[in-house]
Protein backbone atom coordinates (compact mmCIF):
# COMPACT_ATOMS: atom_id res chain seq x y z
CA MET A 1 -11.14 9.95 -16.71
CA ASN A 2 -10.60 10.19 -12.93
CA ARG A 3 -8.87 6.85 -12.90
CA THR A 4 -6.53 7.98 -15.67
CA ALA A 5 -5.70 11.19 -13.86
CA LEU A 6 -5.11 9.27 -10.59
CA LEU A 7 -2.82 6.76 -12.33
CA ALA A 8 -0.86 9.63 -13.92
CA ALA A 9 -0.52 11.32 -10.52
CA VAL A 10 0.78 8.09 -8.97
CA VAL A 11 3.33 7.65 -11.76
CA VAL A 12 4.50 11.25 -11.44
CA ALA A 13 4.76 10.90 -7.68
CA PHE A 14 6.74 7.67 -8.00
CA LEU A 15 9.14 9.24 -10.50
CA GLY A 16 9.52 12.23 -8.20
CA ILE A 17 10.44 10.03 -5.27
CA LEU A 18 12.85 8.05 -7.42
CA LEU A 19 14.60 11.18 -8.76
CA PHE A 20 14.76 12.64 -5.27
CA GLY A 21 16.38 9.47 -3.98
CA LEU A 22 18.97 9.50 -6.82
CA TYR A 23 19.69 13.17 -6.16
CA THR A 24 20.10 12.59 -2.40
CA LYS A 25 22.47 9.66 -2.99
CA ARG A 26 24.58 11.65 -5.42
CA PHE A 27 24.65 14.63 -3.04
CA GLU A 28 25.83 12.37 -0.16
CA GLN A 29 28.56 10.90 -2.34
CA GLU A 30 29.82 14.36 -3.29
CA VAL A 31 29.89 15.43 0.37
CA ARG A 32 31.78 12.27 1.34
CA GLY A 33 34.25 12.70 -1.52
CA GLY A 34 32.78 10.39 -4.13
CA GLU A 35 32.34 6.64 -4.47
CA PRO A 36 34.35 4.47 -2.01
CA ILE A 37 37.40 2.81 -3.53
CA SER A 38 39.09 -0.24 -1.95
CA ILE A 39 42.83 0.19 -1.38
CA LEU A 40 45.29 -2.32 0.02
CA MET A 41 46.62 -2.06 3.60
CA ALA A 42 48.74 -4.10 5.99
CA THR A 43 46.77 -6.17 8.52
CA THR A 44 49.92 -6.89 10.54
CA ASP A 45 53.40 -5.44 10.86
CA ILE A 46 55.49 -6.26 7.78
CA PRO A 47 59.25 -6.25 8.22
CA LEU A 48 61.66 -4.65 5.71
CA GLY A 49 62.30 -7.04 2.79
CA GLU A 50 59.33 -9.31 3.52
CA PRO A 51 57.46 -10.60 0.45
CA LEU A 52 53.79 -9.68 0.31
CA THR A 53 51.15 -12.42 0.72
CA ARG A 54 47.40 -12.40 1.00
CA SER A 55 47.62 -13.27 4.70
CA VAL A 56 49.18 -9.86 5.58
CA LEU A 57 46.95 -7.74 3.29
CA GLY A 58 43.51 -6.30 3.74
CA THR A 59 41.43 -3.54 2.19
CA ARG A 60 40.04 -0.24 3.36
CA ASP A 61 37.44 1.86 1.52
CA ILE A 62 38.17 5.56 1.16
CA PRO A 63 36.41 8.26 -0.89
CA GLU A 64 37.47 8.50 -4.53
CA SER A 65 38.65 12.12 -4.21
CA TYR A 66 41.25 11.02 -1.60
CA ILE A 67 42.73 8.34 -3.86
CA GLU A 68 46.27 9.19 -4.99
CA ASP A 69 48.71 7.61 -7.43
CA ARG A 70 50.66 6.20 -4.49
CA HIS A 71 47.71 4.09 -3.30
CA ILE A 72 47.51 0.45 -4.48
CA ARG A 73 43.96 -0.55 -5.33
CA GLU A 74 42.52 -3.94 -4.50
CA SER A 75 42.26 -4.68 -8.22
CA ASP A 76 46.08 -4.58 -8.44
CA ILE A 77 46.72 -7.22 -5.77
CA GLU A 78 47.84 -9.90 -8.19
CA ARG A 79 50.58 -7.58 -9.44
CA ILE A 80 52.17 -7.16 -6.03
CA LEU A 81 51.92 -10.64 -4.44
CA GLY A 82 55.38 -11.98 -3.79
CA VAL A 83 57.02 -8.55 -4.11
CA LYS A 84 59.25 -7.51 -1.22
CA VAL A 85 58.64 -4.26 0.65
CA SER A 86 61.41 -1.65 0.65
CA THR A 87 60.35 -0.23 4.03
CA ALA A 88 58.89 -1.72 7.19
CA LEU A 89 55.09 -1.32 7.38
CA ARG A 90 52.94 -0.99 10.47
CA SER A 91 49.63 -2.75 10.97
CA ASN A 92 46.66 -0.76 9.51
CA GLN A 93 49.05 1.27 7.31
CA SER A 94 48.01 1.83 3.69
CA LEU A 95 50.25 0.20 1.09
CA HIS A 96 51.84 2.53 -1.47
CA TRP A 97 53.62 1.76 -4.73
CA THR A 98 56.68 3.51 -3.27
CA ASP A 99 56.77 0.87 -0.50
CA LEU A 100 57.66 -1.85 -3.01
CA SER A 101 61.22 -2.79 -3.84
CA THR A 102 60.38 -3.05 -7.55
CA THR A 103 59.20 0.53 -7.77
CA SER A 104 60.68 2.02 -10.95
CA GLN A 105 62.88 5.05 -11.07
CA GLU A 106 60.26 6.84 -13.21
CA ARG A 107 57.67 6.58 -10.42
CA ARG A 108 60.08 8.28 -7.97
CA GLU A 109 60.43 11.40 -10.10
CA LEU A 110 58.64 14.20 -8.27
CA SER A 111 56.44 15.20 -11.22
CA SER A 112 55.22 11.63 -11.72
CA LEU A 113 53.95 11.48 -8.13
CA LEU A 114 51.44 14.31 -8.76
CA ARG A 115 47.82 13.61 -9.62
CA GLU A 116 46.43 15.50 -12.61
CA GLY A 117 45.37 18.98 -11.49
CA MET A 118 47.67 19.01 -8.47
CA ARG A 119 50.87 21.02 -7.93
CA ALA A 120 54.02 20.56 -5.86
CA ILE A 121 55.28 23.35 -3.61
CA THR A 122 58.21 23.31 -1.19
CA VAL A 123 57.85 25.00 2.17
CA GLN A 124 60.49 25.68 4.81
CA ALA A 125 59.28 23.79 7.86
CA THR A 126 60.30 24.64 11.42
CA ARG A 127 62.72 22.33 13.18
CA SER A 128 59.83 20.69 15.14
CA SER A 129 57.88 20.21 11.85
CA ALA A 130 60.63 17.93 10.53
CA PHE A 131 60.06 15.62 13.51
CA GLY A 132 63.75 14.95 13.96
CA GLY A 133 64.05 13.50 10.46
CA LEU A 134 61.10 11.07 10.96
CA LEU A 135 58.76 12.86 8.54
CA ARG A 136 58.78 10.86 5.34
CA PRO A 137 57.31 11.05 1.85
CA GLY A 138 53.76 9.77 1.80
CA ASP A 139 52.92 11.12 5.25
CA ARG A 140 49.96 13.50 5.59
CA VAL A 141 50.13 16.75 7.48
CA ASP A 142 48.00 19.73 8.51
CA VAL A 143 49.46 23.23 8.09
CA LEU A 144 49.21 25.89 10.76
CA LEU A 145 50.10 29.57 10.28
CA THR A 146 51.20 31.88 13.08
CA ALA A 147 51.16 35.55 12.09
CA ILE A 148 50.03 39.01 13.21
CA ARG A 149 46.29 39.59 12.81
CA PRO A 150 45.59 41.75 9.76
CA GLY A 151 45.13 45.36 10.78
CA GLY A 152 46.18 44.70 14.36
CA THR A 153 49.11 43.79 16.62
CA GLU A 154 47.86 40.47 18.14
CA GLU A 155 49.63 37.28 17.10
CA ILE A 156 47.26 34.45 16.16
CA THR A 157 47.58 30.83 14.95
CA VAL A 158 45.07 29.57 12.33
CA PRO A 159 44.53 26.14 10.77
CA LEU A 160 45.49 26.93 7.18
CA LEU A 161 45.20 23.56 5.38
CA GLN A 162 44.30 20.01 6.31
CA ASN A 163 45.15 16.51 5.07
CA ILE A 164 48.03 17.57 2.74
CA LEU A 165 50.29 14.88 1.24
CA ALA A 166 54.06 15.24 1.73
CA LEU A 167 55.64 14.28 -1.62
CA ALA A 168 59.28 14.73 -0.57
CA VAL A 169 61.44 15.66 2.37
CA GLY A 170 64.56 17.33 1.10
CA ALA A 171 65.66 15.23 -1.89
CA ASP A 172 63.93 12.05 -0.61
CA THR A 173 60.87 11.14 -2.65
CA GLY A 174 60.45 7.76 -0.96
CA GLY A 175 62.28 5.54 -3.47
CA PRO A 176 63.89 2.30 -2.26
CA ASP A 177 67.30 3.18 -3.70
CA ALA A 178 67.69 6.43 -1.68
CA THR A 179 71.24 6.93 -0.46
CA ASP A 180 72.05 8.50 2.90
CA GLU A 181 68.34 8.36 3.64
CA GLN A 182 68.44 9.69 7.20
CA GLY A 183 70.58 12.67 6.15
CA ARG A 184 68.24 13.56 3.31
CA ARG A 185 65.19 13.46 5.63
CA GLN A 186 66.87 15.84 8.06
CA SER A 187 66.23 18.64 5.56
CA ARG A 188 63.64 21.23 6.60
CA ASP A 189 62.44 21.60 3.00
CA VAL A 190 59.16 19.70 2.69
CA THR A 191 57.43 19.41 -0.72
CA LEU A 192 53.61 19.23 -0.51
CA ALA A 193 50.96 18.20 -3.09
CA VAL A 194 48.37 20.97 -3.29
CA THR A 195 45.88 22.59 -5.59
CA MET A 196 46.77 25.81 -7.35
CA GLU A 197 44.65 27.81 -4.88
CA GLN A 198 46.37 26.11 -1.92
CA ALA A 199 49.76 26.85 -3.45
CA ALA A 200 48.87 30.54 -3.59
CA MET A 201 47.79 30.43 0.08
CA LEU A 202 51.05 28.82 1.17
CA THR A 203 53.16 31.29 -0.84
CA HIS A 204 51.42 34.26 0.78
CA ALA A 205 51.41 32.61 4.20
CA GLU A 206 55.19 32.14 4.20
CA LYS A 207 55.61 35.89 3.75
CA ARG A 208 53.15 36.73 6.55
CA GLY A 209 54.40 34.45 9.33
CA GLU A 210 55.67 30.98 10.34
CA LEU A 211 54.32 27.67 9.11
CA GLN A 212 54.04 24.63 11.33
CA LEU A 213 53.38 21.10 10.00
CA VAL A 214 51.29 18.74 12.13
CA LEU A 215 51.64 15.05 11.41
CA ARG A 216 48.46 12.95 11.15
CA ASN A 217 47.66 9.25 10.83
CA PRO A 218 48.11 8.19 7.18
CA ASN A 219 44.64 6.63 7.13
CA ASP A 220 42.92 9.67 8.68
CA VAL A 221 41.54 11.77 5.81
CA ALA A 222 38.79 13.55 7.76
CA ILE A 223 38.57 17.33 7.44
CA ILE A 224 37.55 19.05 10.68
CA GLU A 225 35.23 21.96 10.00
CA GLY A 226 34.95 25.14 12.02
CA LEU A 227 38.37 25.09 13.72
CA PRO A 228 38.91 28.35 15.60
CA GLU A 229 41.97 30.60 15.61
CA THR A 230 44.18 30.48 18.66
CA THR A 231 45.26 33.61 20.54
CA ALA A 232 47.21 34.33 23.74
CA SER A 233 43.89 34.35 25.63
CA ASP A 234 43.28 30.70 24.66
CA LEU A 235 46.57 29.83 26.36
CA MET A 236 46.17 31.91 29.51
CA GLU A 237 42.47 31.67 30.37
CA GLU A 238 41.50 28.39 32.07
CA GLN A 239 38.04 27.99 30.56
CA ARG A 240 39.35 28.43 27.04
CA ARG A 241 42.12 25.89 27.67
CA GLN A 242 39.60 23.36 28.96
CA ARG A 243 37.47 23.68 25.82
CA ARG A 244 40.52 22.77 23.71
CA GLN A 245 40.98 19.51 25.69
CA VAL A 246 37.94 17.90 24.10
CA ARG A 247 39.09 15.34 21.56
CA ARG A 248 37.15 15.02 18.33
CA GLN A 249 36.81 11.41 17.32
CA PRO A 250 37.57 10.66 13.65
CA PRO A 251 35.03 8.66 11.68
CA ALA A 252 35.53 4.87 11.84
CA THR A 253 36.77 3.04 8.73
CA LYS A 254 35.86 -0.49 7.80
CA ILE A 255 38.78 -2.92 7.38
CA THR A 256 38.31 -6.06 5.35
CA LYS A 257 40.88 -8.94 5.43
CA ILE A 258 41.70 -10.64 2.17
CA ASP A 259 41.31 -14.40 2.21
C-alpha cells in the first residue's frame, strides 16, 4: 500500500515538473515573440543588379511575431538564387522580397504589403524625420511625440511607439520600377504599418503635438522598456544629461552563413 502511494506520488511529481517545464518554455517564447524563424540576410555588400548566390547569403533567427511579408525565409532560398537585386544591399542587412528585380507589381501595392491584422496610416513627418530623402520603404522607426503635458503648460517629449515598419515614403512603396525615386522619397508623408490601437494613438498624437521619426537598424527589433519622458530639465540639468548618455546595448543575434 505504501509502495503504491509512493509510486503514485513520484509519478504525480514527475508530471508536475514536466508540465511546469512546458509552461515555462511556452511563457518564455511568448515573451520573446514566439518561435524563432530563420530569414535570409546578406553576409557581404551586394551591388545593385548582382545575382544572388549562396556565398553572399546567410540566415538570422528572429521571433515569429516580428516576421513580415517582406522577409524572405530560409525555406524560400531556392526560389531566389540567381535573381538580381533591384537595390544595393549592405552586409548584415535582411533580404526582402521588394529587394528583388522580379518582384511583381501586385506585391508593391500598399494593401498587399500589410500582414493580416495590421493597418496602414500616413503621418506627416518633420523635415528631419525624412532624413533628406534617405528614409526608404522597409526601414524601421521609433515615433516620438512632443506636446504640452495634459493639464499643464510644460512641453514634454515621450517615446510613443517603437519598431514600426515604414511601408511607403510618399508614393514610393519600394518597387524596382519606381520612377523619379529620389523625388518621391523627398515627400514628408510616411506610411507606417501599425495595429488598430497604434493607429488611434497616432491619429490623436498628431492633433496634440509634433511627431518625430527616429531611424533604427533594420535588424534591431528590440523594444526598450521603461523609457522616461524628456522635459526641459533633462536638457539643462547636468546630472540628468549624464544619465541619458548611457547606451543600452541591444541583444546579440546569431548569424549563420549558408554553405
